[in-house]
Protein backbone atom coordinates (compact mmCIF):
# COMPACT_ATOMS: atom_id res chain seq x y z
CA MET A 1 -57.15 -54.02 -18.73
CA MET A 2 -57.26 -54.62 -22.60
CA THR A 3 -57.59 -52.40 -25.75
CA SER A 4 -59.62 -53.32 -29.05
CA GLU A 5 -57.78 -53.05 -32.29
CA TYR A 6 -58.60 -53.54 -35.82
CA ARG A 7 -55.54 -53.86 -38.25
CA VAL A 8 -56.54 -53.00 -41.75
CA PRO A 9 -54.16 -53.48 -44.40
CA VAL A 10 -53.56 -50.29 -47.01
CA PRO A 11 -52.36 -51.65 -50.55
CA GLY A 12 -49.92 -49.68 -52.36
CA ARG A 13 -47.63 -47.26 -50.80
CA PHE A 14 -47.43 -43.97 -48.59
CA ASP A 15 -45.08 -42.05 -46.59
CA GLY A 16 -43.21 -44.38 -44.16
CA SER A 17 -41.36 -41.83 -42.26
CA ALA A 18 -44.64 -40.63 -40.59
CA ALA A 19 -47.55 -41.91 -38.29
CA PHE A 20 -50.82 -40.46 -39.63
CA THR A 21 -53.22 -40.23 -36.52
CA ASP A 22 -56.35 -38.98 -35.66
CA LEU A 23 -58.09 -39.24 -32.37
CA GLU A 24 -62.13 -39.44 -31.27
CA THR A 25 -62.80 -37.87 -28.15
CA ARG A 26 -65.47 -37.33 -25.73
CA LYS A 27 -65.66 -34.92 -22.32
CA VAL A 28 -65.01 -36.43 -18.51
CA PRO A 29 -65.04 -34.61 -15.50
CA CYS A 30 -61.77 -33.01 -14.21
CA ASP A 31 -60.92 -30.27 -12.05
CA TYR A 32 -57.77 -28.25 -12.80
CA LEU A 33 -57.27 -24.59 -12.13
CA MET A 34 -55.56 -22.56 -15.50
CA ALA A 35 -53.31 -20.02 -15.09
CA ASN A 36 -55.74 -17.33 -15.54
CA GLY A 37 -57.68 -18.59 -12.16
CA GLU A 38 -60.48 -20.45 -14.10
CA ARG A 39 -61.42 -23.58 -13.02
CA LEU A 40 -61.50 -26.13 -15.94
CA ARG A 41 -64.42 -28.89 -14.99
CA HIS A 42 -64.31 -31.02 -17.80
CA ARG A 43 -61.08 -32.23 -20.18
CA TRP A 44 -61.09 -34.07 -23.50
CA SER A 45 -60.46 -37.97 -22.85
CA VAL A 46 -59.62 -40.46 -25.73
CA LEU A 47 -62.28 -42.51 -26.93
CA MET A 48 -61.07 -43.96 -30.04
CA ALA A 49 -57.15 -43.37 -32.30
CA GLY A 50 -56.26 -44.47 -35.40
CA VAL A 51 -52.61 -44.58 -37.11
CA ALA A 52 -51.59 -45.41 -40.47
CA ALA A 53 -48.26 -46.53 -40.43
CA GLY A 54 -46.14 -49.81 -41.72
CA GLY A 55 -48.71 -50.21 -44.50
CA GLU A 56 -51.35 -50.12 -42.59
CA ILE A 57 -54.06 -48.60 -40.14
CA ARG A 58 -54.37 -49.65 -37.04
CA LEU A 59 -57.63 -48.60 -34.99
CA PHE A 60 -58.02 -48.98 -31.09
CA ASP A 61 -60.65 -48.29 -28.95
CA ALA A 62 -59.95 -47.63 -24.99
CA ALA A 63 -62.41 -50.57 -24.11
CA ASP A 64 -61.12 -50.82 -20.28
CA SER A 65 -58.56 -48.08 -20.11
CA GLU A 66 -57.75 -44.45 -21.54
CA MET A 67 -54.09 -45.34 -20.78
CA THR A 68 -54.09 -48.89 -22.47
CA LEU A 69 -54.87 -47.16 -25.80
CA LEU A 70 -52.29 -44.30 -25.38
CA ALA A 71 -49.56 -46.93 -24.44
CA ALA A 72 -50.69 -49.13 -27.58
CA LEU A 73 -50.89 -45.88 -30.06
CA SER A 74 -47.60 -44.94 -28.76
CA GLU A 75 -46.01 -48.05 -29.67
CA ALA A 76 -47.76 -48.28 -33.40
CA ILE A 77 -46.46 -44.61 -34.05
CA ASP A 78 -42.91 -45.82 -32.62
CA ASP A 79 -40.49 -43.25 -33.43
CA ARG A 80 -42.36 -41.31 -36.79
CA GLU A 81 -43.30 -37.88 -37.04
CA VAL A 82 -47.37 -37.70 -35.92
CA VAL A 83 -49.21 -35.95 -38.83
CA TYR A 84 -52.61 -34.85 -37.49
CA ALA A 85 -55.05 -32.51 -38.95
CA GLY A 86 -56.65 -30.49 -35.93
CA THR A 87 -57.49 -26.79 -35.18
CA ARG A 88 -55.46 -25.25 -32.32
CA GLU A 89 -53.22 -27.92 -32.22
CA PHE A 90 -56.12 -30.22 -31.13
CA ASP A 91 -55.18 -33.50 -31.36
CA GLU A 92 -51.57 -33.50 -30.62
CA MET A 93 -51.94 -31.47 -27.45
CA ILE A 94 -54.59 -34.41 -26.34
CA LEU A 95 -51.84 -36.21 -26.54
CA ARG A 96 -49.44 -34.33 -24.49
CA GLY A 97 -52.04 -34.22 -21.88
CA ARG A 98 -52.35 -30.22 -22.19
CA PHE A 99 -55.15 -29.26 -24.28
CA THR A 100 -57.27 -27.05 -21.83
CA ASN A 101 -60.48 -25.81 -24.00
CA ALA A 102 -60.70 -23.89 -27.34
CA ARG A 103 -60.44 -20.43 -26.31
CA ARG A 104 -57.84 -20.56 -23.73
CA ALA A 105 -53.94 -21.51 -23.48
CA HIS A 106 -52.61 -24.53 -23.67
CA ALA A 107 -51.48 -25.67 -19.93
CA PRO A 108 -47.64 -25.47 -19.52
CA ALA A 109 -47.64 -29.22 -18.54
CA PRO A 110 -49.71 -32.11 -18.60
CA PHE A 111 -52.73 -32.59 -16.06
CA PHE A 112 -54.49 -35.65 -17.74
CA PRO A 113 -53.05 -38.90 -18.90
CA ALA A 114 -50.88 -38.17 -21.86
CA MET A 115 -49.45 -40.31 -24.34
CA PRO A 116 -46.13 -42.08 -23.58
CA ARG A 117 -43.24 -40.39 -25.10
CA ALA A 118 -45.17 -37.58 -26.81
CA ASN A 119 -42.73 -35.12 -25.80
CA GLU A 120 -40.09 -36.70 -27.83
CA LEU A 121 -42.04 -36.94 -31.08
CA ALA A 122 -41.83 -34.59 -33.83
CA TRP A 123 -45.16 -33.32 -34.63
CA TYR A 124 -46.78 -31.94 -37.47
CA ASN A 125 -50.42 -30.38 -38.26
CA CYS A 126 -51.64 -30.43 -41.77
CA HIS A 127 -54.79 -29.18 -41.21
CA LYS A 128 -54.73 -26.56 -44.37
CA ALA A 129 -54.19 -29.54 -46.59
CA ALA A 130 -56.75 -32.02 -45.03
CA LYS A 131 -59.24 -29.13 -45.28
CA ALA A 132 -58.16 -28.56 -48.90
CA LEU A 133 -59.06 -32.09 -49.99
CA ASN A 134 -62.07 -32.50 -52.32
CA GLU A 135 -62.96 -36.06 -51.67
CA GLU A 136 -66.52 -37.50 -51.93
CA ARG A 137 -67.12 -39.10 -48.12
CA GLY A 138 -70.00 -41.09 -47.94
CA ALA A 139 -71.96 -40.72 -44.72
CA ASP A 140 -71.00 -42.39 -41.34
CA VAL A 141 -71.05 -40.18 -37.95
CA PRO A 142 -70.72 -36.46 -37.60
CA SER A 143 -67.82 -35.93 -35.54
CA ARG A 144 -69.70 -34.10 -32.79
CA GLU A 145 -71.91 -36.86 -32.37
CA VAL A 146 -69.29 -39.52 -31.82
CA PRO A 147 -69.32 -39.75 -28.12
CA VAL A 148 -73.10 -40.38 -28.28
CA ALA A 149 -73.03 -42.76 -31.15
CA TYR A 150 -70.38 -44.97 -29.44
CA ALA A 151 -72.68 -45.03 -26.55
CA ASP A 152 -75.67 -46.26 -27.92
CA GLY A 153 -75.24 -48.73 -30.38
CA ARG A 154 -73.81 -47.19 -33.57
CA TYR A 155 -70.08 -48.58 -32.98
CA GLU A 156 -69.68 -49.90 -36.31
CA LEU A 157 -70.24 -46.13 -37.43
CA VAL A 158 -67.63 -44.72 -35.26
CA VAL A 159 -65.10 -46.97 -36.55
CA ILE A 160 -66.11 -46.46 -39.88
CA HIS A 161 -65.71 -42.88 -39.46
CA LEU A 162 -62.45 -42.64 -38.15
CA LEU A 163 -60.92 -44.87 -40.16
CA ARG A 164 -61.92 -42.67 -42.88
CA ASP A 165 -60.49 -39.75 -40.83
CA VAL A 166 -57.22 -41.76 -41.25
CA ALA A 167 -57.37 -42.41 -44.86
CA GLU A 168 -58.19 -38.57 -45.34
CA LEU A 169 -54.85 -38.05 -43.63
CA ILE A 170 -52.91 -40.41 -46.02
CA LEU A 171 -54.38 -38.39 -48.97
CA ALA A 172 -53.71 -35.07 -47.16
CA ALA A 173 -50.09 -35.37 -46.72
CA GLY A 174 -48.95 -39.08 -47.14
CA ALA A 175 -47.67 -39.17 -50.87
CA PRO A 176 -49.77 -42.12 -51.78
CA ASP A 177 -49.04 -43.79 -54.55
CA ARG A 178 -52.23 -44.58 -57.32
CA VAL A 179 -52.80 -48.05 -55.50
CA CYS A 180 -53.15 -46.36 -52.00
CA ARG A 181 -54.82 -43.24 -53.11
CA ASP A 182 -57.49 -45.65 -55.08
CA TRP A 183 -58.10 -47.23 -51.93
CA CYS A 184 -58.26 -44.56 -49.43
CA ARG A 185 -61.07 -42.85 -52.16
CA LEU A 186 -63.04 -46.24 -51.85
CA ILE A 187 -63.42 -45.99 -48.15
CA LEU A 188 -63.99 -42.58 -48.10
CA ALA A 189 -67.01 -43.05 -50.45
CA ASP A 190 -68.10 -46.55 -49.96
CA TYR A 191 -69.68 -47.98 -46.89
CA VAL A 192 -69.65 -51.46 -47.83
CA ALA A 193 -66.13 -51.45 -48.63
CA ALA A 194 -65.12 -49.52 -45.40
CA TRP A 195 -67.01 -51.97 -43.47
CA ASP A 196 -65.64 -55.08 -45.12
CA ALA A 197 -61.82 -53.60 -44.58
CA VAL A 198 -62.33 -53.50 -41.00
CA PHE A 199 -65.24 -56.28 -39.93
CA GLY A 200 -64.41 -58.43 -43.00
CA GLY A 201 -62.17 -60.87 -41.69
CA GLU A 202 -64.42 -61.26 -38.13
């Protein structure tokens, strides 16, 4: 089993103590009885993940196995604090294997594949700071369309969308210096620059 990976060097500096992490997900079948007696028929599965740490952004694709992706993501995060932006702790609870749905309580224990060492890490949700960003962002794929776009051949658009999500996290909570900040803004606004950052070396 293998996980596709892209590595994108980030110029300048940003907070090295954190791992700025974003997920792209899709719904898959499951059969889980929640504490309230309801049966959950679908759960969120990690389709792609991006993490900025150590001066680069790494983008992972669950090419063959969600578990392989989760293991690679854990390795990239290492022991850093995980910084993410999500309503109802979405990314965190997905990686902990405990998210049920938007209107129900989180499961008390993992009931689907969790990221290795997820419970050993510190987590910080920068949702408010990310929402407050007022940066120009070019067109790619709306978040809600990611699973369909991934499947119908718009793969590169999904990768660019993920790269931009991670760049937004750096801007929102990563204390970037001027060089890093300008690069993140370029990635957000310029599709050609974003494409070249990921695929230009292939």
